[in-house]
C-alpha atoms as a PDB file:
ATOM      1  CA  MET A   1      -0.001   0.010   0.006  1.00  0.00           C
ATOM      2  CA  TRP A   2       1.471   3.311  -1.043  1.00  0.00           C
ATOM      3  CA  THR A   3       2.639   5.697   1.685  1.00  0.00           C
ATOM      4  CA  SER A   4       4.665   8.856   1.487  1.00  0.00           C
ATOM      5  CA  ARG A   5       8.102   9.247   3.110  1.00  0.00           C
ATOM      6  CA  PRO A   6       6.730  11.487   5.876  1.00  0.00           C
ATOM      7  CA  VAL A   7       4.107   8.886   6.743  1.00  0.00           C
ATOM      8  CA  ARG A   8       6.736   6.123   6.945  1.00  0.00           C
ATOM      9  CA  THR A   9       9.028   8.385   8.960  1.00  0.00           C
ATOM     10  CA  VAL A  10       6.358   9.243  11.533  1.00  0.00           C
ATOM     11  CA  ALA A  11       5.020   5.704  11.700  1.00  0.00           C
ATOM     12  CA  ASN A  12       8.502   4.333  12.384  1.00  0.00           C
ATOM     13  CA  TRP A  13       9.134   7.015  15.020  1.00  0.00           C
ATOM     14  CA  VAL A  14       5.844   6.179  16.730  1.00  0.00           C
ATOM     15  CA  VAL A  15       6.625   2.476  16.828  1.00  0.00           C
ATOM     16  CA  THR A  16      10.285   2.747  17.852  1.00  0.00           C
ATOM     17  CA  SER A  17       9.586   5.325  20.579  1.00  0.00           C
ATOM     18  CA  ASN A  18       6.307   3.716  21.693  1.00  0.00           C
ATOM     19  CA  ASP A  19       4.757   7.218  21.509  1.00  0.00           C
ATOM     20  CA  ASN A  20       1.339   5.622  21.024  1.00  0.00           C
ATOM     21  CA  GLY A  21       1.592   3.560  24.187  1.00  0.00           C
ATOM     22  CA  ARG A  22      -0.747   0.636  23.773  1.00  0.00           C
ATOM     23  CA  SER A  23      -3.083   2.472  21.417  1.00  0.00           C
ATOM     24  CA  ALA A  24      -3.822   2.137  17.771  1.00  0.00           C
ATOM     25  CA  PHE A  25      -2.740   5.185  15.782  1.00  0.00           C
ATOM     26  CA  PHE A  26      -3.850   7.110  12.737  1.00  0.00           C
ATOM     27  CA  ILE A  27      -1.623   9.194  10.464  1.00  0.00           C
ATOM     28  CA  ILE A  28      -3.261  11.792   8.331  1.00  0.00           C
ATOM     29  CA  ASP A  29      -1.164  12.871   5.381  1.00  0.00           C
ATOM     30  CA  LYS A  30      -2.648  16.230   4.437  1.00  0.00           C
ATOM     31  CA  ARG A  31      -0.522  16.719   1.353  1.00  0.00           C
ATOM     32  CA  ASN A  32      -1.822  13.523  -0.167  1.00  0.00           C
ATOM     33  CA  ALA A  33      -5.267  13.634   1.541  1.00  0.00           C
ATOM     34  CA  ARG A  34      -4.964  10.079   2.952  1.00  0.00           C
ATOM     35  CA  LEU A  35      -5.616   8.434   6.285  1.00  0.00           C
ATOM     36  CA  PHE A  36      -3.486   5.480   7.422  1.00  0.00           C
ATOM     37  CA  VAL A  37      -4.754   3.332  10.281  1.00  0.00           C
ATOM     38  CA  PHE A  38      -2.227   1.274  12.330  1.00  0.00           C
ATOM     39  CA  ASN A  39      -2.872  -1.182  15.125  1.00  0.00           C
ATOM     40  CA  GLU A  40      -1.104  -0.699  18.495  1.00  0.00           C
ATOM     41  CA  ARG A  41       1.949  -2.681  17.216  1.00  0.00           C
ATOM     42  CA  GLY A  42       2.334  -0.502  14.117  1.00  0.00           C
ATOM     43  CA  ARG A  43       0.822  -2.881  11.568  1.00  0.00           C
ATOM     44  CA  LEU A  44      -1.006  -1.030   8.820  1.00  0.00           C
ATOM     45  CA  GLN A  45      -4.713  -1.961   8.954  1.00  0.00           C
ATOM     46  CA  GLY A  46      -5.833   0.143   5.996  1.00  0.00           C
ATOM     47  CA  ALA A  47      -5.674   3.445   4.160  1.00  0.00           C
ATOM     48  CA  ALA A  48      -8.271   5.654   2.507  1.00  0.00           C
ATOM     49  CA  PRO A  49      -8.647   9.036   0.867  1.00  0.00           C
ATOM     50  CA  VAL A  50     -10.014  11.803   3.112  1.00  0.00           C
ATOM     51  CA  LEU A  51     -11.512  15.253   2.752  1.00  0.00           C
ATOM     52  CA  LEU A  52      -9.782  17.973   4.757  1.00  0.00           C
ATOM     53  CA  GLY A  53     -10.088  21.661   5.698  1.00  0.00           C
ATOM     54  CA  LEU A  54     -10.517  24.031   2.769  1.00  0.00           C
ATOM     55  CA  ALA A  55      -7.510  26.231   3.692  1.00  0.00           C
ATOM     56  CA  ARG A  56      -3.849  25.185   3.755  1.00  0.00           C
ATOM     57  CA  GLY A  57      -2.179  25.603   7.089  1.00  0.00           C
ATOM     58  CA  ASP A  58      -1.147  23.718  10.196  1.00  0.00           C
ATOM     59  CA  ASP A  59      -2.808  25.726  12.961  1.00  0.00           C
ATOM     60  CA  SER A  60      -6.374  26.320  14.025  1.00  0.00           C
ATOM     61  CA  ALA A  61      -7.598  29.944  14.298  1.00  0.00           C
ATOM     62  CA  PRO A  62      -7.820  31.050  17.961  1.00  0.00           C
ATOM     63  CA  GLY A  63     -11.242  30.294  19.465  1.00  0.00           C
ATOM     64  CA  ILE A  64     -12.514  28.556  16.323  1.00  0.00           C
ATOM     65  CA  GLY A  65     -14.096  25.712  18.271  1.00  0.00           C
ATOM     66  CA  GLU A  66     -16.478  28.139  19.982  1.00  0.00           C
ATOM     67  CA  ARG A  67     -17.734  29.872  16.840  1.00  0.00           C
ATOM     68  CA  PRO A  68     -20.746  28.870  14.717  1.00  0.00           C
ATOM     69  CA  LEU A  69     -19.790  27.584  11.239  1.00  0.00           C
ATOM     70  CA  ALA A  70     -21.277  30.644   9.618  1.00  0.00           C
ATOM     71  CA  GLN A  71     -18.657  32.818  11.325  1.00  0.00           C
ATOM     72  CA  ILE A  72     -15.666  30.790  10.121  1.00  0.00           C
ATOM     73  CA  ARG A  73     -13.920  32.482   7.188  1.00  0.00           C
ATOM     74  CA  PRO A  74     -12.620  30.307   4.316  1.00  0.00           C
ATOM     75  CA  ASN A  75      -8.980  31.041   5.247  1.00  0.00           C
ATOM     76  CA  GLU A  76      -9.658  29.727   8.768  1.00  0.00           C
ATOM     77  CA  ARG A  77     -10.951  26.339   7.575  1.00  0.00           C
ATOM     78  CA  THR A  78      -7.747  24.391   8.349  1.00  0.00           C
ATOM     79  CA  THR A  79      -7.106  20.867   9.586  1.00  0.00           C
ATOM     80  CA  PRO A  80      -4.502  21.449  12.309  1.00  0.00           C
ATOM     81  CA  ALA A  81      -1.294  19.402  12.381  1.00  0.00           C
ATOM     82  CA  GLY A  82      -0.037  17.722  15.518  1.00  0.00           C
ATOM     83  CA  ARG A  83      -0.412  14.813  17.947  1.00  0.00           C
ATOM     84  CA  PHE A  84      -3.873  14.315  19.376  1.00  0.00           C
ATOM     85  CA  VAL A  85      -5.257  11.731  21.800  1.00  0.00           C
ATOM     86  CA  ALA A  86      -8.580  10.938  20.135  1.00  0.00           C
ATOM     87  CA  GLU A  87     -11.847  10.310  21.920  1.00  0.00           C
ATOM     88  CA  ARG A  88     -15.006   8.664  20.641  1.00  0.00           C
ATOM     89  CA  GLY A  89     -18.033  10.846  20.715  1.00  0.00           C
ATOM     90  CA  ARG A  90     -21.199  11.968  18.958  1.00  0.00           C
ATOM     91  CA  ASN A  91     -21.948  15.052  16.908  1.00  0.00           C
ATOM     92  CA  ALA A  92     -24.989  17.306  17.341  1.00  0.00           C
ATOM     93  CA  GLN A  93     -27.040  14.919  15.165  1.00  0.00           C
ATOM     94  CA  GLY A  94     -26.109  11.926  17.392  1.00  0.00           C
ATOM     95  CA  GLU A  95     -23.776  10.324  14.841  1.00  0.00           C
ATOM     96  CA  ALA A  96     -20.651   8.496  15.983  1.00  0.00           C
ATOM     97  CA  ILE A  97     -17.463  10.529  15.451  1.00  0.00           C
ATOM     98  CA  VAL A  98     -13.819  10.571  16.580  1.00  0.00           C
ATOM     99  CA  TRP A  99     -12.860  13.778  18.361  1.00  0.00           C
ATOM    100  CA  VAL A 100      -9.364  14.656  17.173  1.00  0.00           C
ATOM    101  CA  ASP A 101      -9.230  18.060  18.814  1.00  0.00           C
ATOM    102  CA  TYR A 102     -12.345  18.667  20.880  1.00  0.00           C
ATOM    103  CA  ALA A 103     -11.439  22.217  21.926  1.00  0.00           C
ATOM    104  CA  ASP A 104     -11.184  23.318  18.284  1.00  0.00           C
ATOM    105  CA  ALA A 105     -14.162  21.136  17.187  1.00  0.00           C
ATOM    106  CA  ILE A 106     -12.046  19.003  14.856  1.00  0.00           C
ATOM    107  CA  SER A 107     -13.367  15.485  14.344  1.00  0.00           C
ATOM    108  CA  LEU A 108     -12.901  12.518  12.059  1.00  0.00           C
ATOM    109  CA  HIS A 109     -16.215  11.205  10.778  1.00  0.00           C
ATOM    110  CA  ARG A 110     -18.015   9.457   7.939  1.00  0.00           C
ATOM    111  CA  VAL A 111     -18.418  11.655   4.917  1.00  0.00           C
ATOM    112  CA  ARG A 112     -21.752  13.465   4.969  1.00  0.00           C
ATOM    113  CA  THR A 113     -23.543  14.569   1.836  1.00  0.00           C
ATOM    114  CA  LEU A 114     -25.775  17.303   3.169  1.00  0.00           C
ATOM    115  CA  SER A 115     -25.033  19.694   0.365  1.00  0.00           C
ATOM    116  CA  PRO A 116     -25.019  17.850  -3.034  1.00  0.00           C
ATOM    117  CA  LYS A 117     -23.297  20.796  -4.734  1.00  0.00           C
ATOM    118  CA  GLU A 118     -20.102  20.024  -2.722  1.00  0.00           C
ATOM    119  CA  HIS A 119     -19.736  16.618  -4.425  1.00  0.00           C
ATOM    120  CA  ARG A 120     -18.031  15.118  -1.406  1.00  0.00           C
ATOM    121  CA  LEU A 121     -18.398  11.511  -2.491  1.00  0.00           C
ATOM    122  CA  GLU A 122     -17.029  12.329  -5.916  1.00  0.00           C
ATOM    123  CA  ARG A 123     -14.079  14.194  -4.441  1.00  0.00           C
ATOM    124  CA  LEU A 124     -13.120  11.099  -2.423  1.00  0.00           C
ATOM    125  CA  ARG A 125     -13.099   9.014  -5.591  1.00  0.00           C
ATOM    126  CA  THR A 126     -10.830  11.220  -7.703  1.00  0.00           C
ATOM    127  CA  PRO A 127      -7.269   9.971  -8.211  1.00  0.00           C
ATOM    128  CA  THR A 128      -5.524  13.089  -6.911  1.00  0.00           C
ATOM    129  CA  PRO A 129      -5.780  15.113  -3.661  1.00  0.00           C
ATOM    130  CA  ALA A 130      -6.290  18.376  -5.626  1.00  0.00           C
ATOM    131  CA  ASP A 131     -10.043  18.531  -4.872  1.00  0.00           C
ATOM    132  CA  ASN A 132     -10.078  17.010  -1.376  1.00  0.00           C
ATOM    133  CA  ARG A 133     -10.082  20.358   0.398  1.00  0.00           C
ATOM    134  CA  ILE A 134     -13.721  21.239   1.277  1.00  0.00           C
ATOM    135  CA  SER A 135     -14.439  20.913   5.034  1.00  0.00           C
ATOM    136  CA  TYR A 136     -14.320  23.344   7.900  1.00  0.00           C
ATOM    137  CA  GLY A 137     -11.302  21.435   9.267  1.00  0.00           C
ATOM    138  CA  CYS A 138     -12.814  18.029  10.016  1.00  0.00           C
ATOM    139  CA  ILE A 139     -11.553  14.878   8.407  1.00  0.00           C
ATOM    140  CA  ASN A 140     -14.197  13.155   6.247  1.00  0.00           C
ATOM    141  CA  VAL A 141     -13.689   9.415   5.649  1.00  0.00           C
ATOM    142  CA  PRO A 142     -15.516   7.054   3.266  1.00  0.00           C
ATOM    143  CA  VAL A 143     -18.435   5.404   5.115  1.00  0.00           C
ATOM    144  CA  ALA A 144     -17.358   1.813   4.521  1.00  0.00           C
ATOM    145  CA  PHE A 145     -13.780   2.524   5.631  1.00  0.00           C
ATOM    146  CA  TYR A 146     -15.020   4.236   8.803  1.00  0.00           C
ATOM    147  CA  ASN A 147     -17.344   1.340   9.580  1.00  0.00           C
ATOM    148  CA  ARG A 148     -14.791  -1.386   8.859  1.00  0.00           C
ATOM    149  CA  VAL A 149     -11.375   0.068   9.774  1.00  0.00           C
ATOM    150  CA  VAL A 150     -11.802   3.155  11.954  1.00  0.00           C
ATOM    151  CA  GLU A 151     -14.296   1.508  14.297  1.00  0.00           C
ATOM    152  CA  GLN A 152     -12.130  -1.630  14.575  1.00  0.00           C
ATOM    153  CA  ALA A 153      -9.121   0.455  15.678  1.00  0.00           C
ATOM    154  CA  TRP A 154     -10.750   1.101  19.037  1.00  0.00           C
ATOM    155  CA  THR A 155     -10.462  -2.539  20.116  1.00  0.00           C
ATOM    156  CA  SER A 156      -6.991  -1.727  21.515  1.00  0.00           C
ATOM    157  CA  GLY A 157      -8.642   0.755  23.823  1.00  0.00           C
ATOM    158  CA  GLY A 158      -7.607   4.086  22.417  1.00  0.00           C
ATOM    159  CA  VAL A 159      -6.330   5.948  19.374  1.00  0.00           C
ATOM    160  CA  VAL A 160      -3.610   8.555  18.919  1.00  0.00           C
ATOM    161  CA  VAL A 161      -3.931  10.733  15.824  1.00  0.00           C
ATOM    162  CA  TYR A 162      -0.909  12.232  14.082  1.00  0.00           C
ATOM    163  CA  VAL A 163      -1.847  14.907  11.535  1.00  0.00           C
ATOM    164  CA  LEU A 164       1.172  15.642   9.351  1.00  0.00           C
ATOM    165  CA  PRO A 165       1.940  19.287   8.553  1.00  0.00           C
ATOM    166  CA  GLU A 166       1.717  20.656   5.052  1.00  0.00           C
ATOM    167  CA  VAL A 167       3.494  23.959   5.686  1.00  0.00           C
ATOM    168  CA  LYS A 168       5.739  23.536   8.781  1.00  0.00           C
ATOM    169  CA  PRO A 169       8.606  21.060   8.997  1.00  0.00           C
ATOM    170  CA  LEU A 170       7.885  17.742  10.692  1.00  0.00           C
ATOM    171  CA  ASP A 171      10.266  18.441  13.595  1.00  0.00           C
ATOM    172  CA  GLN A 172       8.523  21.710  14.345  1.00  0.00           C
ATOM    173  CA  VAL A 173       5.148  19.948  14.727  1.00  0.00           C
ATOM    174  CA  PHE A 174       6.498  16.906  16.501  1.00  0.00           C
ATOM    175  CA  PRO A 175       9.382  18.286  18.598  1.00  0.00           C
ATOM    176  CA  ARG A 176       9.427  15.439  21.151  1.00  0.00           C
ATOM    177  CA  GLN A 177      10.977  12.877  18.859  1.00  0.00           C
ATOM    178  CA  PRO A 178      14.747  12.338  19.272  1.00  0.00           C
ATOM    179  CA  SER A 179      15.431  12.561  15.609  1.00  0.00           C
ATOM    180  CA  PHE A 180      13.317  12.030  12.516  1.00  0.00           C
ATOM    181  CA  LEU A 181      16.576  11.300  10.715  1.00  0.00           C
ATOM    182  CA  ASN A 182      17.075   8.258  12.953  1.00  0.00           C
ATOM    183  CA  ALA A 183      13.503   7.112  12.448  1.00  0.00           C
ATOM    184  CA  ALA A 184      13.822   7.586   8.699  1.00  0.00           C
ATOM    185  CA  GLY A 185      16.593   5.000   8.694  1.00  0.00           C
ATOM    186  CA  LEU A 186      14.085   2.389   9.937  1.00  0.00           C
ATOM    187  CA  LEU A 187      11.616   2.753   7.079  1.00  0.00           C
ATOM    188  CA  ARG A 188      11.167  -0.988   6.541  1.00  0.00           C
ATOM    189  CA  ARG A 189      10.148  -1.808  10.124  1.00  0.00           C
ATOM    190  CA  VAL A 190       6.578  -0.567   9.929  1.00  0.00           C
ATOM    191  CA  GLY A 191       3.944  -2.536   8.129  1.00  0.00           C
END
């Protein structure tokens, strides 16, 4: 299964440092608009295309989680980069979601097709990530993948989510690692 070098680098670092503890972990590659789901031992369980925040960037706007959607400007619709301890939850409609960053109202959930003009399902099926930027910052996942792979990841007890940056360098977003250069040398260990 195809993964980018940053995904392999972070996955190897997570496994070798045990940064995920005993939890499954997700890596979201924003540049390629893909989600990779690993079990607690670092075995790849599956990958899928995702929809992401409309705007490029690695930080959430201050206070964005407390604002109604109508007050969020297009340039503030980012999917923040970083390490997040996920929590299972429900959205306002009672649907199961994964809270990635509760304070900033960023979740990972099944793709919703409330506005047909957004063509969210079609965007997930295109071969390039060029049109996968549409959300307010949440990560939209194909329904079947969510039901089969994302839900199964919770059997280990928890999930840690690593959202890779698209603007900042990896070591600026994940400063706790001893060296991404060392982890990059272990590229074949994950999988």
